Amino acid sequence: MFISSAYAQAAPAPAAGGDMMSSLTGMLPLVLMFVVLYFVMIRPQMKRQKEHKAMIEALAKGDEVVSAGGVAGKIAKLGDSYIGLEVADGVEIQLQRSAISQVLPKGTLK
């Protein structure tokens, strides 16, 4: 009575030859998001990993370091994958090399 009937309309016919361009246009935001993700997240992370690896390889006996857990000490022993970290006089702990997060300037720890 007050509501008119709704009828489905036929879908318009696809334009010939326009499919290739519309699919490229549809993928453009996805490609742009990946490029932005690469330059904002992936590339800086790879740079940090490279710097950390160089720092770990350059460790020497007597360096003062801070571990990822916040333990500070002086390197007493160096091994291939572990280091001996002297945290106090006569107190030495074993840490993995990768657990070192920072090398401190000489004379920082007394």
N, C-alpha and C. Protein backbone atom coordinates (compact mmCIF):
# COMPACT_ATOMS: atom_id res chain seq x y z
N MET A 1 0.82 -1.17 0.00
CA MET A 1 0.00 0.00 0.00
C MET A 1 0.88 1.26 0.00
N PHE A 2 1.71 1.45 1.07
CA PHE A 2 2.58 2.61 1.09
C PHE A 2 3.98 2.30 0.59
N ILE A 3 4.34 1.02 0.60
CA ILE A 3 5.68 0.61 0.19
C ILE A 3 5.60 0.03 -1.21
N SER A 4 6.42 0.58 -2.11
CA SER A 4 6.41 0.04 -3.46
C SER A 4 7.35 -1.15 -3.54
N SER A 5 7.12 -2.03 -4.46
CA SER A 5 7.93 -3.23 -4.63
C SER A 5 9.28 -2.86 -5.23
N ALA A 6 10.34 -3.53 -4.76
CA ALA A 6 11.68 -3.30 -5.28
C ALA A 6 12.04 -4.45 -6.20
N TYR A 7 12.52 -4.13 -7.37
CA TYR A 7 12.90 -5.13 -8.34
C TYR A 7 14.41 -5.06 -8.58
N ALA A 8 15.03 -6.22 -8.72
CA ALA A 8 16.46 -6.28 -8.97
C ALA A 8 16.75 -5.83 -10.39
N GLN A 9 17.84 -5.09 -10.52
CA GLN A 9 18.23 -4.65 -11.85
C GLN A 9 19.33 -5.54 -12.36
N ALA A 10 19.44 -5.64 -13.64
CA ALA A 10 20.49 -6.45 -14.26
C ALA A 10 21.82 -5.74 -14.08
N ALA A 11 22.87 -6.52 -13.84
CA ALA A 11 24.21 -5.96 -13.67
C ALA A 11 24.68 -5.41 -15.00
N PRO A 12 25.37 -4.27 -14.98
CA PRO A 12 25.87 -3.72 -16.24
C PRO A 12 26.93 -4.62 -16.83
N ALA A 13 27.00 -4.67 -18.12
CA ALA A 13 27.98 -5.51 -18.82
C ALA A 13 29.36 -4.93 -18.61
N PRO A 14 30.39 -5.78 -18.34
CA PRO A 14 31.75 -5.28 -18.15
C PRO A 14 32.29 -4.65 -19.42
N ALA A 15 33.07 -3.61 -19.26
CA ALA A 15 33.66 -2.94 -20.41
C ALA A 15 34.78 -3.79 -20.97
N ALA A 16 34.83 -3.92 -22.24
CA ALA A 16 35.86 -4.74 -22.90
C ALA A 16 37.20 -4.01 -22.84
N GLY A 17 38.26 -4.72 -22.43
CA GLY A 17 39.60 -4.15 -22.41
C GLY A 17 39.90 -3.35 -21.15
N GLY A 18 38.98 -3.03 -20.31
CA GLY A 18 39.20 -2.24 -19.12
C GLY A 18 39.57 -3.08 -17.92
N ASP A 19 39.52 -4.39 -18.02
CA ASP A 19 39.80 -5.27 -16.89
C ASP A 19 41.26 -5.18 -16.45
N MET A 20 42.17 -5.10 -17.37
CA MET A 20 43.60 -5.06 -17.03
C MET A 20 43.92 -3.79 -16.25
N MET A 21 43.41 -2.69 -16.67
CA MET A 21 43.70 -1.42 -16.00
C MET A 21 43.05 -1.37 -14.62
N SER A 22 41.85 -1.88 -14.50
CA SER A 22 41.19 -1.84 -13.20
C SER A 22 41.87 -2.77 -12.19
N SER A 23 42.42 -3.89 -12.66
CA SER A 23 43.10 -4.79 -11.73
C SER A 23 44.42 -4.19 -11.27
N LEU A 24 45.11 -3.47 -12.16
CA LEU A 24 46.34 -2.79 -11.75
C LEU A 24 46.04 -1.66 -10.77
N THR A 25 44.98 -0.95 -11.01
CA THR A 25 44.58 0.13 -10.12
C THR A 25 44.16 -0.43 -8.76
N GLY A 26 43.54 -1.58 -8.76
CA GLY A 26 43.13 -2.20 -7.50
C GLY A 26 44.29 -2.71 -6.69
N MET A 27 45.39 -3.11 -7.34
CA MET A 27 46.57 -3.62 -6.64
C MET A 27 47.52 -2.52 -6.21
N LEU A 28 47.36 -1.33 -6.75
CA LEU A 28 48.27 -0.23 -6.43
C LEU A 28 48.33 0.09 -4.94
N PRO A 29 47.22 0.17 -4.21
CA PRO A 29 47.33 0.44 -2.76
C PRO A 29 48.08 -0.67 -2.01
N LEU A 30 47.91 -1.91 -2.42
CA LEU A 30 48.62 -3.02 -1.77
C LEU A 30 50.12 -2.91 -1.99
N VAL A 31 50.51 -2.59 -3.21
CA VAL A 31 51.93 -2.44 -3.53
C VAL A 31 52.51 -1.24 -2.77
N LEU A 32 51.79 -0.14 -2.73
CA LEU A 32 52.27 1.03 -2.00
C LEU A 32 52.40 0.76 -0.50
N MET A 33 51.48 -0.01 0.07
CA MET A 33 51.58 -0.35 1.49
C MET A 33 52.82 -1.20 1.76
N PHE A 34 53.13 -2.13 0.86
CA PHE A 34 54.32 -2.97 1.05
C PHE A 34 55.59 -2.12 0.95
N VAL A 35 55.63 -1.18 0.02
CA VAL A 35 56.81 -0.31 -0.11
C VAL A 35 57.00 0.53 1.14
N VAL A 36 55.93 1.10 1.65
CA VAL A 36 56.01 1.90 2.88
C VAL A 36 56.44 1.02 4.05
N LEU A 37 55.88 -0.17 4.16
CA LEU A 37 56.25 -1.11 5.23
C LEU A 37 57.73 -1.44 5.16
N TYR A 38 58.26 -1.64 3.96
CA TYR A 38 59.67 -1.97 3.80
C TYR A 38 60.55 -0.83 4.32
N PHE A 39 60.25 0.41 3.90
CA PHE A 39 61.11 1.52 4.29
C PHE A 39 60.91 1.97 5.73
N VAL A 40 59.75 1.72 6.31
CA VAL A 40 59.49 2.17 7.67
C VAL A 40 59.86 1.12 8.71
N MET A 41 59.68 -0.16 8.40
CA MET A 41 59.91 -1.21 9.42
C MET A 41 61.04 -2.17 9.08
N ILE A 42 61.03 -2.74 7.90
CA ILE A 42 61.95 -3.83 7.58
C ILE A 42 63.38 -3.34 7.42
N ARG A 43 63.59 -2.29 6.66
CA ARG A 43 64.94 -1.79 6.40
C ARG A 43 65.63 -1.29 7.67
N PRO A 44 64.99 -0.49 8.53
CA PRO A 44 65.66 -0.08 9.77
C PRO A 44 65.99 -1.26 10.69
N GLN A 45 65.12 -2.27 10.73
CA GLN A 45 65.38 -3.44 11.56
C GLN A 45 66.61 -4.19 11.06
N MET A 46 66.75 -4.33 9.74
CA MET A 46 67.93 -5.01 9.18
C MET A 46 69.19 -4.22 9.50
N LYS A 47 69.12 -2.89 9.47
CA LYS A 47 70.26 -2.06 9.79
C LYS A 47 70.67 -2.23 11.26
N ARG A 48 69.67 -2.26 12.17
CA ARG A 48 69.97 -2.47 13.59
C ARG A 48 70.61 -3.84 13.82
N GLN A 49 70.12 -4.87 13.13
CA GLN A 49 70.69 -6.21 13.29
C GLN A 49 72.14 -6.24 12.83
N LYS A 50 72.44 -5.55 11.74
CA LYS A 50 73.80 -5.52 11.23
C LYS A 50 74.73 -4.80 12.21
N GLU A 51 74.26 -3.68 12.79
CA GLU A 51 75.07 -2.94 13.77
C GLU A 51 75.30 -3.77 15.03
N HIS A 52 74.27 -4.50 15.49
CA HIS A 52 74.40 -5.33 16.69
C HIS A 52 75.39 -6.46 16.44
N LYS A 53 75.34 -7.07 15.27
CA LYS A 53 76.27 -8.16 14.94
C LYS A 53 77.71 -7.65 14.92
N ALA A 54 77.93 -6.46 14.36
CA ALA A 54 79.27 -5.88 14.34
C ALA A 54 79.76 -5.58 15.75
N MET A 55 78.86 -5.10 16.61
CA MET A 55 79.23 -4.80 18.00
C MET A 55 79.60 -6.10 18.73
N ILE A 56 78.83 -7.16 18.54
CA ILE A 56 79.09 -8.44 19.21
C ILE A 56 80.43 -9.02 18.76
N GLU A 57 80.73 -8.90 17.47
CA GLU A 57 81.99 -9.45 16.96
C GLU A 57 83.20 -8.64 17.43
N ALA A 58 82.99 -7.37 17.78
CA ALA A 58 84.10 -6.51 18.19
C ALA A 58 84.36 -6.54 19.70
N LEU A 59 83.62 -7.36 20.45
CA LEU A 59 83.83 -7.41 21.91
C LEU A 59 85.23 -7.91 22.22
N ALA A 60 85.82 -7.32 23.26
CA ALA A 60 87.16 -7.72 23.68
C ALA A 60 87.19 -7.83 25.21
N LYS A 61 88.18 -8.55 25.69
CA LYS A 61 88.34 -8.71 27.13
C LYS A 61 88.60 -7.34 27.75
N GLY A 62 87.90 -7.03 28.86
CA GLY A 62 88.05 -5.76 29.54
C GLY A 62 87.00 -4.73 29.15
N ASP A 63 86.21 -5.01 28.10
CA ASP A 63 85.13 -4.09 27.73
C ASP A 63 84.05 -4.09 28.80
N GLU A 64 83.48 -2.93 29.04
CA GLU A 64 82.37 -2.81 29.98
C GLU A 64 81.08 -2.81 29.18
N VAL A 65 80.17 -3.71 29.55
CA VAL A 65 78.95 -3.92 28.75
C VAL A 65 77.72 -3.98 29.64
N VAL A 66 76.56 -3.86 29.00
CA VAL A 66 75.28 -4.03 29.66
C VAL A 66 74.54 -5.12 28.90
N SER A 67 73.96 -6.07 29.63
CA SER A 67 73.22 -7.16 28.99
C SER A 67 71.79 -6.72 28.70
N ALA A 68 71.08 -7.54 27.97
CA ALA A 68 69.68 -7.25 27.65
C ALA A 68 68.82 -7.23 28.91
N GLY A 69 69.24 -7.94 29.93
CA GLY A 69 68.51 -7.96 31.20
C GLY A 69 68.87 -6.82 32.12
N GLY A 70 69.85 -6.00 31.73
CA GLY A 70 70.22 -4.85 32.54
C GLY A 70 71.42 -5.09 33.44
N VAL A 71 72.06 -6.24 33.35
CA VAL A 71 73.23 -6.55 34.18
C VAL A 71 74.45 -5.89 33.55
N ALA A 72 75.16 -5.08 34.33
CA ALA A 72 76.35 -4.39 33.84
C ALA A 72 77.59 -5.04 34.44
N GLY A 73 78.64 -5.14 33.64
CA GLY A 73 79.87 -5.72 34.12
C GLY A 73 80.98 -5.60 33.11
N LYS A 74 82.12 -6.18 33.48
CA LYS A 74 83.31 -6.15 32.63
C LYS A 74 83.57 -7.55 32.09
N ILE A 75 83.92 -7.64 30.82
CA ILE A 75 84.16 -8.94 30.20
C ILE A 75 85.47 -9.52 30.74
N ALA A 76 85.36 -10.73 31.32
CA ALA A 76 86.54 -11.40 31.88
C ALA A 76 87.02 -12.52 30.96
N LYS A 77 86.09 -13.21 30.31
CA LYS A 77 86.44 -14.32 29.42
C LYS A 77 85.61 -14.20 28.15
N LEU A 78 86.21 -14.58 27.04
CA LEU A 78 85.50 -14.59 25.76
C LEU A 78 85.51 -16.00 25.18
N GLY A 79 84.37 -16.45 24.75
CA GLY A 79 84.25 -17.73 24.06
C GLY A 79 83.58 -17.50 22.72
N ASP A 80 83.33 -18.60 22.01
CA ASP A 80 82.68 -18.46 20.70
C ASP A 80 81.25 -17.97 20.83
N SER A 81 80.48 -18.55 21.75
CA SER A 81 79.08 -18.15 21.88
C SER A 81 78.75 -17.61 23.28
N TYR A 82 79.66 -17.77 24.24
CA TYR A 82 79.42 -17.29 25.60
C TYR A 82 80.54 -16.36 26.03
N ILE A 83 80.23 -15.47 26.96
CA ILE A 83 81.25 -14.62 27.58
C ILE A 83 81.13 -14.74 29.09
N GLY A 84 82.25 -14.52 29.78
CA GLY A 84 82.24 -14.45 31.23
C GLY A 84 82.19 -12.99 31.62
N LEU A 85 81.16 -12.60 32.33
CA LEU A 85 80.96 -11.20 32.70
C LEU A 85 81.21 -11.05 34.20
N GLU A 86 82.19 -10.25 34.57
CA GLU A 86 82.49 -10.00 35.98
C GLU A 86 81.61 -8.85 36.45
N VAL A 87 80.66 -9.16 37.34
CA VAL A 87 79.71 -8.15 37.82
C VAL A 87 80.15 -7.54 39.14
N ALA A 88 81.02 -8.20 39.87
CA ALA A 88 81.59 -7.69 41.11
C ALA A 88 82.93 -8.38 41.31
N ASP A 89 83.70 -7.98 42.31
CA ASP A 89 85.00 -8.61 42.55
C ASP A 89 84.78 -10.08 42.88
N GLY A 90 85.31 -10.96 42.03
CA GLY A 90 85.22 -12.40 42.25
C GLY A 90 83.88 -13.01 41.85
N VAL A 91 82.96 -12.25 41.30
CA VAL A 91 81.65 -12.77 40.89
C VAL A 91 81.57 -12.69 39.37
N GLU A 92 81.50 -13.86 38.76
CA GLU A 92 81.47 -13.92 37.29
C GLU A 92 80.25 -14.73 36.85
N ILE A 93 79.54 -14.22 35.86
CA ILE A 93 78.39 -14.94 35.30
C ILE A 93 78.65 -15.20 33.82
N GLN A 94 77.99 -16.24 33.32
CA GLN A 94 78.11 -16.60 31.91
C GLN A 94 76.90 -16.06 31.16
N LEU A 95 77.14 -15.41 30.06
CA LEU A 95 76.08 -14.87 29.21
C LEU A 95 76.34 -15.26 27.76
N GLN A 96 75.27 -15.36 27.00
CA GLN A 96 75.44 -15.53 25.56
C GLN A 96 75.89 -14.21 24.97
N ARG A 97 76.68 -14.29 23.92
CA ARG A 97 77.15 -13.07 23.27
C ARG A 97 75.99 -12.21 22.78
N SER A 98 74.95 -12.85 22.29
CA SER A 98 73.82 -12.11 21.73
C SER A 98 73.03 -11.37 22.80
N ALA A 99 73.25 -11.68 24.08
CA ALA A 99 72.54 -11.01 25.16
C ALA A 99 73.14 -9.65 25.50
N ILE A 100 74.27 -9.30 24.91
CA ILE A 100 74.88 -8.00 25.15
C ILE A 100 74.13 -6.97 24.32
N SER A 101 73.64 -5.92 25.00
CA SER A 101 72.87 -4.91 24.28
C SER A 101 73.63 -3.61 24.07
N GLN A 102 74.66 -3.37 24.90
CA GLN A 102 75.36 -2.09 24.80
C GLN A 102 76.78 -2.21 25.33
N VAL A 103 77.72 -1.55 24.66
CA VAL A 103 79.08 -1.46 25.16
C VAL A 103 79.23 -0.06 25.76
N LEU A 104 79.68 -0.03 27.00
CA LEU A 104 79.82 1.24 27.73
C LEU A 104 81.22 1.82 27.49
N PRO A 105 81.36 3.12 27.64
CA PRO A 105 82.70 3.73 27.55
C PRO A 105 83.58 3.22 28.69
N LYS A 106 84.89 3.17 28.44
CA LYS A 106 85.84 2.70 29.46
C LYS A 106 85.76 3.58 30.70
N GLY A 107 85.80 2.96 31.88
CA GLY A 107 85.79 3.68 33.13
C GLY A 107 84.39 4.00 33.64
N THR A 108 83.37 3.52 32.96
CA THR A 108 82.00 3.80 33.41
C THR A 108 81.70 3.05 34.71
N LEU A 109 82.11 1.81 34.78
CA LEU A 109 81.90 0.99 35.98
C LEU A 109 83.10 1.08 36.89
N LYS A 110 82.87 1.24 38.15
CA LYS A 110 83.98 1.32 39.12
C LYS A 110 83.94 0.12 40.02
